[in-house]
Structure formats: structure tokens, C-alpha cells
N, C-alpha and C. Protein backbone atom coordinates (compact mmCIF):
# COMPACT_ATOMS: atom_id res chain seq x y z
N UNK A 1 192.68 74.20 144.09
CA UNK A 1 193.04 73.52 142.85
C UNK A 1 193.12 74.54 141.72
N UNK A 2 194.20 74.48 140.95
CA UNK A 2 194.36 75.37 139.81
C UNK A 2 193.58 74.83 138.61
N UNK A 3 193.40 75.72 137.61
CA UNK A 3 192.73 75.28 136.40
C UNK A 3 193.52 74.16 135.72
N UNK A 4 194.85 74.25 135.77
CA UNK A 4 195.67 73.22 135.13
C UNK A 4 195.51 71.88 135.84
N UNK A 5 195.49 71.92 137.19
CA UNK A 5 195.27 70.68 137.93
C UNK A 5 193.91 70.08 137.60
N UNK A 6 192.93 70.96 137.46
CA UNK A 6 191.59 70.49 137.10
C UNK A 6 191.61 69.87 135.71
N UNK A 7 192.27 70.53 134.78
CA UNK A 7 192.34 70.02 133.40
C UNK A 7 193.08 68.69 133.32
N UNK A 8 194.01 68.46 134.25
CA UNK A 8 194.81 67.23 134.23
C UNK A 8 194.11 66.05 134.88
N UNK A 9 192.97 66.29 135.51
CA UNK A 9 192.24 65.17 136.12
C UNK A 9 191.69 64.27 135.01
N UNK A 10 192.01 63.01 135.07
CA UNK A 10 191.49 62.06 134.09
C UNK A 10 191.53 60.65 134.68
N UNK A 11 190.63 59.83 134.19
CA UNK A 11 190.51 58.46 134.68
C UNK A 11 190.64 57.51 133.49
N UNK A 12 191.40 56.44 133.67
CA UNK A 12 191.49 55.42 132.64
C UNK A 12 190.41 54.38 132.87
N UNK A 13 189.60 54.15 131.84
CA UNK A 13 188.50 53.18 131.95
C UNK A 13 188.91 51.89 131.26
N UNK A 14 188.83 50.79 131.98
CA UNK A 14 189.30 49.53 131.38
C UNK A 14 188.60 48.29 131.94
N UNK A 15 187.52 48.49 132.72
CA UNK A 15 186.91 47.34 133.39
C UNK A 15 186.25 46.35 132.44
N UNK A 16 185.45 46.88 131.50
CA UNK A 16 184.60 46.01 130.71
C UNK A 16 184.50 46.49 129.27
N UNK A 17 183.82 45.67 128.46
CA UNK A 17 183.56 46.03 127.06
C UNK A 17 182.05 45.98 126.84
N UNK A 18 181.63 46.53 125.70
CA UNK A 18 180.21 46.48 125.33
C UNK A 18 180.13 46.34 123.81
N UNK A 19 179.55 45.23 123.37
CA UNK A 19 179.40 44.98 121.94
C UNK A 19 177.93 44.73 121.61
N UNK A 20 177.64 44.80 120.33
CA UNK A 20 176.26 44.57 119.89
C UNK A 20 175.76 43.18 120.27
N UNK A 21 176.66 42.21 120.36
CA UNK A 21 176.24 40.84 120.71
C UNK A 21 176.04 40.67 122.21
N UNK A 22 176.49 41.67 123.00
CA UNK A 22 176.34 41.58 124.46
C UNK A 22 174.94 41.95 124.93
N UNK A 23 174.20 42.70 124.13
CA UNK A 23 173.02 43.38 124.65
C UNK A 23 171.72 42.66 124.32
N UNK A 24 170.69 42.96 125.12
CA UNK A 24 169.36 42.43 124.90
C UNK A 24 168.72 43.12 123.69
N UNK A 25 167.75 42.46 123.02
CA UNK A 25 167.08 43.11 121.89
C UNK A 25 166.15 44.24 122.32
N UNK A 26 165.72 44.24 123.59
CA UNK A 26 164.84 45.28 124.12
C UNK A 26 165.64 46.22 124.99
N UNK A 27 165.50 47.54 124.77
CA UNK A 27 166.33 48.53 125.46
C UNK A 27 166.07 48.57 126.96
N UNK A 28 164.81 48.49 127.38
CA UNK A 28 164.52 48.58 128.80
C UNK A 28 164.98 47.31 129.52
N UNK A 29 164.88 46.18 128.86
CA UNK A 29 165.40 44.94 129.46
C UNK A 29 166.92 45.01 129.61
N UNK A 30 167.59 45.63 128.62
CA UNK A 30 169.03 45.82 128.75
C UNK A 30 169.34 46.74 129.92
N UNK A 31 168.52 47.77 130.09
CA UNK A 31 168.71 48.64 131.25
C UNK A 31 168.55 47.85 132.54
N UNK A 32 167.58 46.97 132.60
CA UNK A 32 167.40 46.15 133.81
C UNK A 32 168.66 45.33 134.12
N UNK A 33 169.29 44.81 133.07
CA UNK A 33 170.53 44.03 133.27
C UNK A 33 171.59 44.91 133.93
N UNK A 34 171.78 46.10 133.40
CA UNK A 34 172.80 47.00 133.96
C UNK A 34 172.42 47.48 135.36
N UNK A 35 171.15 47.76 135.58
CA UNK A 35 170.73 48.20 136.92
C UNK A 35 170.98 47.10 137.94
N UNK A 36 170.69 45.87 137.58
CA UNK A 36 170.93 44.75 138.51
C UNK A 36 172.42 44.63 138.81
N UNK A 37 173.26 44.83 137.82
CA UNK A 37 174.70 44.76 138.05
C UNK A 37 175.15 45.92 138.95
N UNK A 38 174.55 47.08 138.80
CA UNK A 38 174.86 48.21 139.68
C UNK A 38 174.44 47.91 141.12
N UNK A 39 173.30 47.25 141.28
CA UNK A 39 172.84 46.87 142.63
C UNK A 39 173.76 45.82 143.23
N UNK A 40 174.15 44.84 142.44
CA UNK A 40 175.03 43.79 142.94
C UNK A 40 176.41 44.34 143.30
N UNK A 41 176.84 45.39 142.61
CA UNK A 41 178.13 46.02 142.91
C UNK A 41 178.05 46.92 144.13
N UNK A 42 176.85 47.07 144.70
CA UNK A 42 176.63 47.89 145.89
C UNK A 42 177.10 49.33 145.68
N UNK A 43 176.79 49.87 144.52
CA UNK A 43 177.12 51.27 144.26
C UNK A 43 176.21 52.17 145.09
N UNK A 44 176.70 53.34 145.43
CA UNK A 44 175.87 54.30 146.15
C UNK A 44 174.80 54.86 145.22
N UNK A 45 173.57 54.90 145.70
CA UNK A 45 172.43 55.48 144.98
C UNK A 45 172.36 55.02 143.52
N UNK A 46 172.28 53.72 143.28
CA UNK A 46 172.24 53.26 141.89
C UNK A 46 170.98 53.69 141.15
N UNK A 47 169.92 54.05 141.89
CA UNK A 47 168.67 54.47 141.24
C UNK A 47 168.62 55.98 140.99
N UNK A 48 169.66 56.71 141.38
CA UNK A 48 169.69 58.16 141.17
C UNK A 48 169.89 58.48 139.70
N UNK A 49 169.10 59.42 139.19
CA UNK A 49 169.20 59.78 137.78
C UNK A 49 169.00 61.28 137.63
N UNK A 50 169.70 61.85 136.66
CA UNK A 50 169.52 63.26 136.34
C UNK A 50 168.32 63.38 135.41
N UNK A 51 167.36 64.21 135.81
CA UNK A 51 166.19 64.49 134.98
C UNK A 51 166.34 65.88 134.39
N UNK A 52 166.33 65.98 133.06
CA UNK A 52 166.44 67.26 132.37
C UNK A 52 165.10 67.59 131.72
N UNK A 53 164.65 68.84 131.98
CA UNK A 53 163.41 69.33 131.37
C UNK A 53 163.72 70.67 130.72
N UNK A 54 162.71 71.23 130.04
CA UNK A 54 162.91 72.51 129.36
C UNK A 54 161.65 73.35 129.52
N UNK A 55 161.82 74.67 129.64
CA UNK A 55 160.65 75.54 129.81
C UNK A 55 160.20 76.11 128.46
N UNK A 56 159.20 77.00 128.51
CA UNK A 56 158.63 77.56 127.28
C UNK A 56 159.66 78.32 126.45
N UNK A 57 160.65 78.92 127.13
CA UNK A 57 161.67 79.69 126.43
C UNK A 57 162.81 78.84 125.90
N UNK A 58 162.76 77.53 126.16
CA UNK A 58 163.82 76.65 125.73
C UNK A 58 164.97 76.55 126.71
N UNK A 59 164.80 77.11 127.92
CA UNK A 59 165.84 77.05 128.94
C UNK A 59 165.81 75.67 129.61
N UNK A 60 166.89 74.90 129.52
CA UNK A 60 166.90 73.59 130.17
C UNK A 60 167.21 73.70 131.66
N UNK A 61 166.75 72.71 132.40
CA UNK A 61 167.07 72.60 133.82
C UNK A 61 167.23 71.12 134.14
N UNK A 62 168.14 70.82 135.06
CA UNK A 62 168.40 69.42 135.41
C UNK A 62 168.52 69.29 136.92
N UNK A 63 168.10 68.12 137.42
CA UNK A 63 168.20 67.82 138.85
C UNK A 63 168.20 66.30 139.02
N UNK A 64 168.59 65.86 140.21
CA UNK A 64 168.61 64.43 140.51
C UNK A 64 167.28 64.00 141.10
N UNK A 65 166.71 62.93 140.55
CA UNK A 65 165.53 62.28 141.13
C UNK A 65 165.84 60.79 141.21
N UNK A 66 164.94 60.03 141.84
CA UNK A 66 165.17 58.59 142.02
C UNK A 66 164.21 57.78 141.18
N UNK A 67 164.74 56.79 140.49
CA UNK A 67 163.92 55.85 139.74
C UNK A 67 163.16 54.97 140.74
N UNK A 68 161.85 54.84 140.53
CA UNK A 68 161.03 54.05 141.46
C UNK A 68 160.33 52.88 140.80
N UNK A 69 160.60 52.63 139.54
CA UNK A 69 159.99 51.48 138.89
C UNK A 69 160.17 51.52 137.39
N UNK A 70 159.95 50.34 136.79
CA UNK A 70 159.99 50.18 135.33
C UNK A 70 158.76 49.39 134.93
N UNK A 71 157.56 49.98 135.09
CA UNK A 71 156.32 49.22 134.89
C UNK A 71 156.24 48.56 133.52
N UNK A 72 156.15 47.25 133.53
CA UNK A 72 155.99 46.46 132.30
C UNK A 72 157.06 46.75 131.25
N UNK A 73 158.22 47.22 131.70
CA UNK A 73 159.32 47.54 130.78
C UNK A 73 158.92 48.55 129.71
N UNK A 74 157.98 49.42 130.04
CA UNK A 74 157.53 50.41 129.05
C UNK A 74 157.85 51.84 129.46
N UNK A 75 158.29 52.06 130.69
CA UNK A 75 158.55 53.43 131.13
C UNK A 75 159.37 53.49 132.39
N UNK A 76 159.98 54.66 132.63
CA UNK A 76 160.79 54.93 133.81
C UNK A 76 159.95 55.78 134.76
N UNK A 77 159.71 55.26 135.96
CA UNK A 77 158.76 55.86 136.90
C UNK A 77 159.49 56.66 137.97
N UNK A 78 159.04 57.90 138.19
CA UNK A 78 159.54 58.70 139.30
C UNK A 78 158.40 59.53 139.86
N UNK A 79 158.59 60.07 141.06
CA UNK A 79 157.54 60.82 141.75
C UNK A 79 158.05 62.19 142.17
N UNK A 80 157.12 63.15 142.20
CA UNK A 80 157.50 64.50 142.60
C UNK A 80 156.25 65.34 142.85
N UNK A 81 156.48 66.61 143.15
CA UNK A 81 155.40 67.58 143.31
C UNK A 81 155.03 68.12 141.93
N UNK A 82 153.76 68.00 141.56
CA UNK A 82 153.33 68.44 140.24
C UNK A 82 153.48 69.96 140.06
N UNK A 83 153.48 70.70 141.18
CA UNK A 83 153.60 72.15 141.11
C UNK A 83 155.05 72.64 141.15
N UNK A 84 156.00 71.72 141.27
CA UNK A 84 157.41 72.09 141.29
C UNK A 84 157.83 72.61 139.92
N UNK A 85 159.06 73.12 139.85
CA UNK A 85 159.53 73.64 138.56
C UNK A 85 159.51 72.54 137.50
N UNK A 86 159.98 71.35 137.84
CA UNK A 86 159.99 70.29 136.84
C UNK A 86 158.58 69.90 136.44
N UNK A 87 157.64 69.91 137.42
CA UNK A 87 156.27 69.59 137.10
C UNK A 87 155.66 70.61 136.15
N UNK A 88 155.92 71.88 136.39
CA UNK A 88 155.41 72.93 135.52
C UNK A 88 156.02 72.84 134.12
N UNK A 89 157.32 72.52 134.07
CA UNK A 89 157.96 72.42 132.77
C UNK A 89 157.46 71.20 132.00
N UNK A 90 157.21 70.10 132.70
CA UNK A 90 156.68 68.91 132.03
C UNK A 90 155.26 69.14 131.53
N UNK A 91 154.51 69.99 132.24
CA UNK A 91 153.16 70.32 131.77
C UNK A 91 153.23 71.14 130.49
N UNK A 92 154.27 71.97 130.36
CA UNK A 92 154.44 72.81 129.17
C UNK A 92 155.06 72.03 128.02
N UNK A 93 156.08 71.26 128.34
CA UNK A 93 156.79 70.47 127.32
C UNK A 93 157.03 69.07 127.88
N UNK A 94 156.25 68.07 127.49
CA UNK A 94 156.36 66.74 128.09
C UNK A 94 157.51 65.89 127.56
N UNK A 95 158.50 66.52 126.94
CA UNK A 95 159.70 65.80 126.51
C UNK A 95 160.80 65.99 127.55
N UNK A 96 161.52 64.92 127.87
CA UNK A 96 162.54 65.00 128.91
C UNK A 96 163.64 63.99 128.64
N UNK A 97 164.71 64.10 129.42
CA UNK A 97 165.84 63.18 129.31
C UNK A 97 166.29 62.76 130.71
N UNK A 98 166.78 61.54 130.80
CA UNK A 98 167.32 60.98 132.04
C UNK A 98 168.76 60.55 131.79
N UNK A 99 169.60 60.67 132.81
CA UNK A 99 170.97 60.16 132.73
C UNK A 99 171.31 59.43 134.02
N UNK A 100 171.79 58.21 133.90
CA UNK A 100 172.36 57.46 135.01
C UNK A 100 173.87 57.42 134.83
N UNK A 101 174.61 57.65 135.91
CA UNK A 101 176.07 57.54 135.86
C UNK A 101 176.51 56.64 137.00
N UNK A 102 177.15 55.52 136.64
CA UNK A 102 177.65 54.55 137.61
C UNK A 102 179.17 54.45 137.47
N UNK A 103 179.91 55.40 138.09
CA UNK A 103 181.36 55.42 137.91
C UNK A 103 182.05 54.14 138.39
N UNK A 104 181.46 53.48 139.40
CA UNK A 104 182.07 52.24 139.88
C UNK A 104 182.12 51.15 138.83
N UNK A 105 181.25 51.23 137.84
CA UNK A 105 181.23 50.27 136.73
C UNK A 105 181.67 50.92 135.42
N UNK A 106 182.07 52.21 135.51
CA UNK A 106 182.50 52.96 134.33
C UNK A 106 181.41 52.97 133.27
N UNK A 107 180.16 53.27 133.71
CA UNK A 107 179.02 53.19 132.82
C UNK A 107 178.13 54.43 132.92
N UNK A 108 177.46 54.72 131.82
CA UNK A 108 176.47 55.78 131.77
C UNK A 108 175.32 55.32 130.87
N UNK A 109 174.11 55.72 131.24
CA UNK A 109 172.94 55.44 130.40
C UNK A 109 172.20 56.75 130.19
N UNK A 110 171.89 57.06 128.93
CA UNK A 110 171.15 58.27 128.57
C UNK A 110 169.82 57.86 127.95
N UNK A 111 168.74 58.48 128.41
CA UNK A 111 167.39 58.10 128.00
C UNK A 111 166.63 59.35 127.58
N UNK A 112 165.95 59.29 126.46
CA UNK A 112 165.14 60.40 125.98
C UNK A 112 163.75 59.90 125.65
N UNK A 113 162.73 60.71 125.96
CA UNK A 113 161.38 60.27 125.65
C UNK A 113 160.33 61.27 126.06
N UNK A 114 159.09 60.82 125.98
CA UNK A 114 157.93 61.64 126.33
C UNK A 114 157.43 61.23 127.71
N UNK A 115 157.03 62.23 128.49
CA UNK A 115 156.61 62.00 129.87
C UNK A 115 155.10 62.17 129.99
N UNK A 116 154.50 61.30 130.79
CA UNK A 116 153.07 61.39 131.10
C UNK A 116 152.88 61.12 132.59
N UNK A 117 151.77 61.57 133.14
CA UNK A 117 151.51 61.29 134.55
C UNK A 117 151.20 59.81 134.75
N UNK A 118 151.68 59.26 135.84
CA UNK A 118 151.38 57.88 136.19
C UNK A 118 149.92 57.77 136.65
N UNK A 119 149.32 56.58 136.61
CA UNK A 119 147.96 56.41 137.11
C UNK A 119 147.84 56.85 138.57
N UNK A 120 146.71 57.45 138.92
CA UNK A 120 146.52 57.94 140.28
C UNK A 120 146.63 56.82 141.31
N UNK A 121 146.17 55.64 140.95
CA UNK A 121 146.26 54.52 141.90
C UNK A 121 147.71 54.19 142.23
N UNK A 122 148.58 54.23 141.22
CA UNK A 122 150.00 53.96 141.45
C UNK A 122 150.62 55.05 142.31
N UNK A 123 150.23 56.30 142.06
CA UNK A 123 150.77 57.41 142.86
C UNK A 123 150.34 57.31 144.31
N UNK A 124 149.07 56.99 144.53
CA UNK A 124 148.57 56.87 145.91
C UNK A 124 149.22 55.70 146.63
N UNK A 125 149.34 54.58 145.95
CA UNK A 125 149.95 53.40 146.57
C UNK A 125 151.39 53.69 146.99
N UNK A 126 152.15 54.33 146.10
CA UNK A 126 153.54 54.62 146.46
C UNK A 126 153.60 55.67 147.56
N UNK A 127 152.80 56.72 147.45
CA UNK A 127 152.83 57.78 148.47
C UNK A 127 152.58 57.20 149.85
N UNK A 128 151.60 56.34 149.97
CA UNK A 128 151.23 55.81 151.29
C UNK A 128 152.18 54.70 151.77
N UNK A 129 153.10 54.28 150.91
CA UNK A 129 154.14 53.33 151.33
C UNK A 129 155.38 54.04 151.88
N UNK A 130 155.45 55.36 151.69
CA UNK A 130 156.61 56.13 152.14
C UNK A 130 156.60 56.30 153.66
N UNK A 131 157.77 56.58 154.25
CA UNK A 131 157.79 56.89 155.69
C UNK A 131 156.87 58.07 156.00
N UNK A 132 156.30 58.07 157.20
CA UNK A 132 155.37 59.14 157.56
C UNK A 132 156.00 60.53 157.40
N UNK A 133 157.28 60.65 157.76
CA UNK A 133 157.95 61.94 157.63
C UNK A 133 157.97 62.43 156.20
N UNK A 134 158.14 61.51 155.25
CA UNK A 134 158.15 61.89 153.84
C UNK A 134 156.76 62.30 153.38
N UNK A 135 155.74 61.62 153.91
CA UNK A 135 154.36 62.01 153.58
C UNK A 135 154.06 63.41 154.12
N UNK A 136 154.48 63.67 155.35
CA UNK A 136 154.30 65.00 155.95
C UNK A 136 155.01 66.05 155.10
N UNK A 137 156.24 65.75 154.71
CA UNK A 137 157.02 66.70 153.93
C UNK A 137 156.38 67.05 152.61
N UNK A 138 155.75 66.07 151.96
CA UNK A 138 155.10 66.33 150.68
C UNK A 138 153.93 67.29 150.84
N UNK A 139 153.23 67.21 151.97
CA UNK A 139 152.14 68.14 152.26
C UNK A 139 152.68 69.52 152.65
N UNK A 140 153.78 69.54 153.39
CA UNK A 140 154.25 70.79 153.98
C UNK A 140 155.03 71.67 153.02
N UNK A 141 155.74 71.08 152.06
CA UNK A 141 156.66 71.86 151.23
C UNK A 141 156.00 72.36 149.95
N UNK A 142 155.97 73.67 149.73
CA UNK A 142 155.54 74.23 148.44
C UNK A 142 156.72 74.18 147.47
N UNK A 143 157.05 73.02 147.00
CA UNK A 143 158.32 72.77 146.32
C UNK A 143 158.59 73.77 145.20
N UNK A 144 159.81 74.28 145.18
CA UNK A 144 160.34 75.23 144.20
C UNK A 144 159.85 76.66 144.41
N UNK A 145 158.98 76.90 145.40
CA UNK A 145 158.49 78.25 145.66
C UNK A 145 159.35 78.93 146.73
N UNK A 146 159.55 80.24 146.64
CA UNK A 146 160.33 80.94 147.67
C UNK A 146 159.61 80.86 149.03
N UNK A 147 160.39 80.68 150.10
CA UNK A 147 159.85 80.71 151.46
C UNK A 147 160.68 81.66 152.29
N UNK A 148 160.09 82.16 153.35
CA UNK A 148 160.72 83.19 154.17
C UNK A 148 161.97 82.68 154.88
N UNK A 149 161.90 81.45 155.41
CA UNK A 149 163.00 80.94 156.23
C UNK A 149 162.81 79.45 156.48
N UNK A 150 163.84 78.85 157.06
CA UNK A 150 163.74 77.46 157.49
C UNK A 150 162.64 77.31 158.54
N UNK A 151 162.50 78.32 159.37
CA UNK A 151 161.48 78.28 160.43
C UNK A 151 160.08 78.18 159.83
N UNK A 152 159.86 78.88 158.72
CA UNK A 152 158.54 78.79 158.07
C UNK A 152 158.25 77.36 157.62
N UNK A 153 159.26 76.71 157.06
CA UNK A 153 159.08 75.32 156.62
C UNK A 153 158.77 74.41 157.80
N UNK A 154 159.47 74.60 158.91
CA UNK A 154 159.23 73.79 160.10
C UNK A 154 157.84 74.06 160.68
N UNK A 155 157.39 75.31 160.61
CA UNK A 155 156.03 75.62 161.06
C UNK A 155 154.99 74.93 160.20
N UNK A 156 155.22 74.91 158.91
CA UNK A 156 154.30 74.22 158.01
C UNK A 156 154.27 72.72 158.32
N UNK A 157 155.45 72.17 158.61
CA UNK A 157 155.53 70.76 158.97
C UNK A 157 154.72 70.46 160.23
N UNK A 158 154.87 71.31 161.23
CA UNK A 158 154.14 71.13 162.48
C UNK A 158 152.64 71.24 162.27
N UNK A 159 152.23 72.15 161.39
CA UNK A 159 150.80 72.32 161.11
C UNK A 159 150.22 71.07 160.44
N UNK A 160 151.00 70.47 159.54
CA UNK A 160 150.54 69.24 158.88
C UNK A 160 150.48 68.10 159.88
N UNK A 161 151.49 68.01 160.77
CA UNK A 161 151.48 66.99 161.82
C UNK A 161 150.21 67.11 162.65
N UNK A 162 149.86 68.32 163.02
CA UNK A 162 148.66 68.53 163.84
C UNK A 162 147.40 68.18 163.06
N UNK A 163 147.37 68.54 161.80
CA UNK A 163 146.19 68.27 160.97
C UNK A 163 145.91 66.78 160.84
N UNK A 164 146.98 66.00 160.69
CA UNK A 164 146.81 64.56 160.46
C UNK A 164 147.20 63.72 161.68
N UNK A 165 147.14 64.31 162.86
CA UNK A 165 147.51 63.59 164.09
C UNK A 165 146.66 62.33 164.22
N UNK A 166 147.37 61.21 164.43
CA UNK A 166 146.69 59.93 164.62
C UNK A 166 146.22 59.26 163.34
N UNK A 167 146.47 59.88 162.20
CA UNK A 167 146.03 59.31 160.92
C UNK A 167 147.19 58.62 160.24
N UNK A 168 146.97 57.40 159.81
CA UNK A 168 148.04 56.61 159.19
C UNK A 168 147.43 55.65 158.17
N UNK A 169 147.82 55.67 156.90
CA UNK A 169 148.72 56.65 156.29
C UNK A 169 147.97 57.93 155.97
N UNK A 170 148.71 58.95 155.52
CA UNK A 170 148.09 60.20 155.12
C UNK A 170 147.47 60.05 153.73
N UNK A 171 146.45 60.84 153.43
CA UNK A 171 145.97 60.87 152.05
C UNK A 171 147.02 61.50 151.15
N UNK A 172 147.02 61.12 149.89
CA UNK A 172 147.97 61.72 148.95
C UNK A 172 147.46 63.10 148.53
N UNK A 173 148.32 64.12 148.63
CA UNK A 173 147.90 65.45 148.15
C UNK A 173 147.73 65.45 146.63
N UNK A 174 146.79 66.24 146.14
CA UNK A 174 146.54 66.28 144.71
C UNK A 174 147.73 66.80 143.92
N UNK A 175 148.60 67.58 144.57
CA UNK A 175 149.73 68.17 143.87
C UNK A 175 150.95 67.25 143.81
N UNK A 176 150.80 66.01 144.23
CA UNK A 176 151.96 65.10 144.31
C UNK A 176 151.62 63.80 143.61
N UNK A 177 152.57 63.29 142.83
CA UNK A 177 152.32 62.01 142.17
C UNK A 177 153.45 61.60 141.25
N UNK A 178 153.14 60.61 140.42
CA UNK A 178 154.18 60.01 139.60
C UNK A 178 154.15 60.45 138.15
N UNK A 179 155.30 60.25 137.50
CA UNK A 179 155.44 60.45 136.07
C UNK A 179 156.09 59.20 135.47
N UNK A 180 155.72 58.92 134.24
CA UNK A 180 156.36 57.85 133.46
C UNK A 180 157.03 58.47 132.24
N UNK A 181 158.32 58.23 132.10
CA UNK A 181 159.00 58.62 130.87
C UNK A 181 158.99 57.41 129.94
N UNK A 182 158.32 57.56 128.80
CA UNK A 182 158.26 56.50 127.79
C UNK A 182 159.45 56.69 126.84
N UNK A 183 160.43 55.79 126.87
CA UNK A 183 161.66 56.04 126.12
C UNK A 183 161.50 55.87 124.61
N UNK A 184 162.12 56.79 123.89
CA UNK A 184 162.24 56.70 122.44
C UNK A 184 163.68 56.41 122.02
N UNK A 185 164.60 56.73 122.93
CA UNK A 185 166.03 56.54 122.62
C UNK A 185 166.77 56.24 123.91
N UNK A 186 167.57 55.19 123.93
CA UNK A 186 168.38 54.85 125.10
C UNK A 186 169.79 54.51 124.64
N UNK A 187 170.76 55.20 125.22
CA UNK A 187 172.17 54.95 124.87
C UNK A 187 172.91 54.36 126.08
N UNK A 188 173.65 53.29 125.84
CA UNK A 188 174.48 52.64 126.86
C UNK A 188 175.94 52.95 126.54
N UNK A 189 176.63 53.50 127.54
CA UNK A 189 178.02 53.94 127.38
C UNK A 189 178.89 53.15 128.35
N UNK A 190 179.92 52.51 127.81
CA UNK A 190 180.88 51.78 128.63
C UNK A 190 182.26 52.39 128.42
N UNK A 191 182.89 52.85 129.51
CA UNK A 191 184.21 53.44 129.40
C UNK A 191 185.24 52.44 128.90
N UNK A 192 186.15 52.91 128.02
CA UNK A 192 187.22 52.08 127.48
C UNK A 192 188.52 52.88 127.47
N UNK A 193 189.67 52.22 127.35
CA UNK A 193 190.95 52.93 127.34
C UNK A 193 191.07 53.91 126.17
N UNK A 194 191.90 54.93 126.36
CA UNK A 194 192.22 55.93 125.33
C UNK A 194 190.99 56.68 124.84
N UNK A 195 189.98 56.74 125.67
CA UNK A 195 188.74 57.44 125.35
C UNK A 195 188.02 56.86 124.13
N UNK A 196 188.36 55.63 123.73
CA UNK A 196 187.65 54.95 122.65
C UNK A 196 186.52 54.13 123.27
N UNK A 197 185.57 54.85 123.85
CA UNK A 197 184.50 54.22 124.61
C UNK A 197 183.52 53.47 123.71
N UNK A 198 182.83 52.50 124.30
CA UNK A 198 181.77 51.79 123.61
C UNK A 198 180.45 52.52 123.83
N UNK A 199 179.73 52.78 122.74
CA UNK A 199 178.42 53.42 122.80
C UNK A 199 177.44 52.64 121.93
N UNK A 200 176.45 52.04 122.57
CA UNK A 200 175.40 51.32 121.87
C UNK A 200 174.10 52.06 122.09
N UNK A 201 173.41 52.41 121.01
CA UNK A 201 172.18 53.18 121.12
C UNK A 201 171.00 52.39 120.56
N UNK A 202 169.88 52.48 121.28
CA UNK A 202 168.61 51.91 120.83
C UNK A 202 167.69 53.07 120.43
N UNK A 203 167.03 52.94 119.29
CA UNK A 203 166.03 53.92 118.87
C UNK A 203 164.74 53.17 118.55
N UNK A 204 163.63 53.69 119.11
CA UNK A 204 162.35 53.01 118.93
C UNK A 204 161.75 53.33 117.56
N UNK A 205 161.33 52.27 116.85
CA UNK A 205 160.64 52.38 115.57
C UNK A 205 159.34 51.59 115.67
N UNK A 206 158.41 51.80 114.76
CA UNK A 206 157.14 51.07 114.84
C UNK A 206 157.31 49.56 114.92
N UNK A 207 158.36 49.05 114.28
CA UNK A 207 158.58 47.61 114.28
C UNK A 207 159.41 47.12 115.46
N UNK A 208 159.89 48.05 116.29
CA UNK A 208 160.68 47.66 117.46
C UNK A 208 161.93 48.51 117.62
N UNK A 209 162.84 48.06 118.48
CA UNK A 209 164.06 48.80 118.75
C UNK A 209 165.11 48.53 117.67
N UNK A 210 165.72 49.61 117.18
CA UNK A 210 166.85 49.50 116.26
C UNK A 210 168.13 49.77 117.07
N UNK A 211 169.12 48.90 116.92
CA UNK A 211 170.37 48.99 117.70
C UNK A 211 171.50 49.43 116.78
N UNK A 212 172.28 50.43 117.21
CA UNK A 212 173.41 50.92 116.44
C UNK A 212 174.59 51.19 117.37
N UNK A 213 175.77 51.28 116.78
CA UNK A 213 176.97 51.68 117.50
C UNK A 213 177.31 53.12 117.12
N UNK A 214 177.69 53.93 118.11
CA UNK A 214 178.09 55.30 117.88
C UNK A 214 179.59 55.47 118.11
N UNK A 215 180.20 56.37 117.37
CA UNK A 215 181.60 56.71 117.63
C UNK A 215 181.70 57.43 118.97
N UNK A 216 182.76 57.19 119.74
CA UNK A 216 182.89 57.84 121.05
C UNK A 216 183.20 59.34 120.93
């Protein structure tokens, strides 16, 4: 593909509209409405979200993680290795951003807020509900650290299998658990023709969510 062919790629968005009267007064409840519509549309990986963090030097990094809950409509829950790059960056700077993109519905949601560790009981409950292979993998993988080869990873997996042979479920490793992103700002984007997209943003204030429209 040439640069010109790449530049000429464009999609016309015309499925739906988004107005201030369409949305819920609470931002997380509005997100639930859109997530349910994404599930009903049978989109691939509707819970996949881009998580962006930043290190001490201000260098951002982004990766895909999976949303695993919206406890009491107060936070976005995900799980990972606390010693991973994202875990280390969240320990240094607990501010982060999430992005959901649902092209089948011509929609995007952007979320910004402060991240905190989820309660240990919630982390253990979820960890022990995962398939055994995923539990083994969480013990075996020194996530984000250099390893010698694929064979080393498989050897670590075998060692964990031997260590916990006959044990079900496995205990949760201390280096693995959940995070809650407490949103301060959530933007809902609906694609529209001629790039005049609808953008509705919620910003949290002491008295509640303030709703505004943004220019596309």
C-alpha cells in the first residue's frame, strides 16, 4: 500500500446520532448503556480497552486490557501483574486513561481518572475464577521482564504446574491483582457524516457530573 492509498482510506459514519437529551445523567450508567448495546451487537471483544499510563519521565505507554467490572458504577475494574510495566507506572503516577473503540457501532469512549488497587478479596475471587491455565500463567510469567527464550517461559510454566499439582484453585500470587480507575472525565463519541461527529463529555464536580458538547 502506498502512502497515498493509506491517506485515501476513509469511512463514512452515519448509523446513529448522539444528543444531550439521549444520555443518562450519570456517566458510568451511560457507559453501561453503550456497553450493553455493544454486547447485543455481538461485536468482537467489546470489553477490550486501551489503557494509557505514564512513567516518571512523562513517557506515555498504551496497551490493550480487558474490562472486568464496573463496581457500584464508581470505577472501571481490570486485572494485571503489579510488577509489570503498567503496574510500575501506576505506582509512580496513579493517573491513567482508557479508550474503548467499537467500530461496528461507529463509537468511541474516552475515560480519564485516578487509579487505585482493588480490594484484595475482589482480586482473589476473580483470580480463582479464571481457568487453571491462566492461573498458572500468572505465576509463571515475570510480566514485562526480559526472558531468555520461549523455552524458559515453558519451563517456568512446568515448574508451577509441578508446584501446585492437584491443587485447585491456586492461591493468588501477591504480585497479581486488580485496579480500579475512578473516572473524572468520560467522553462519548458517535461518528457522523462529513466528520461532524457528536461528542458529549461528562466532567465530575463535587455536586455531580456536568455534561457538555464538544466540537468534533
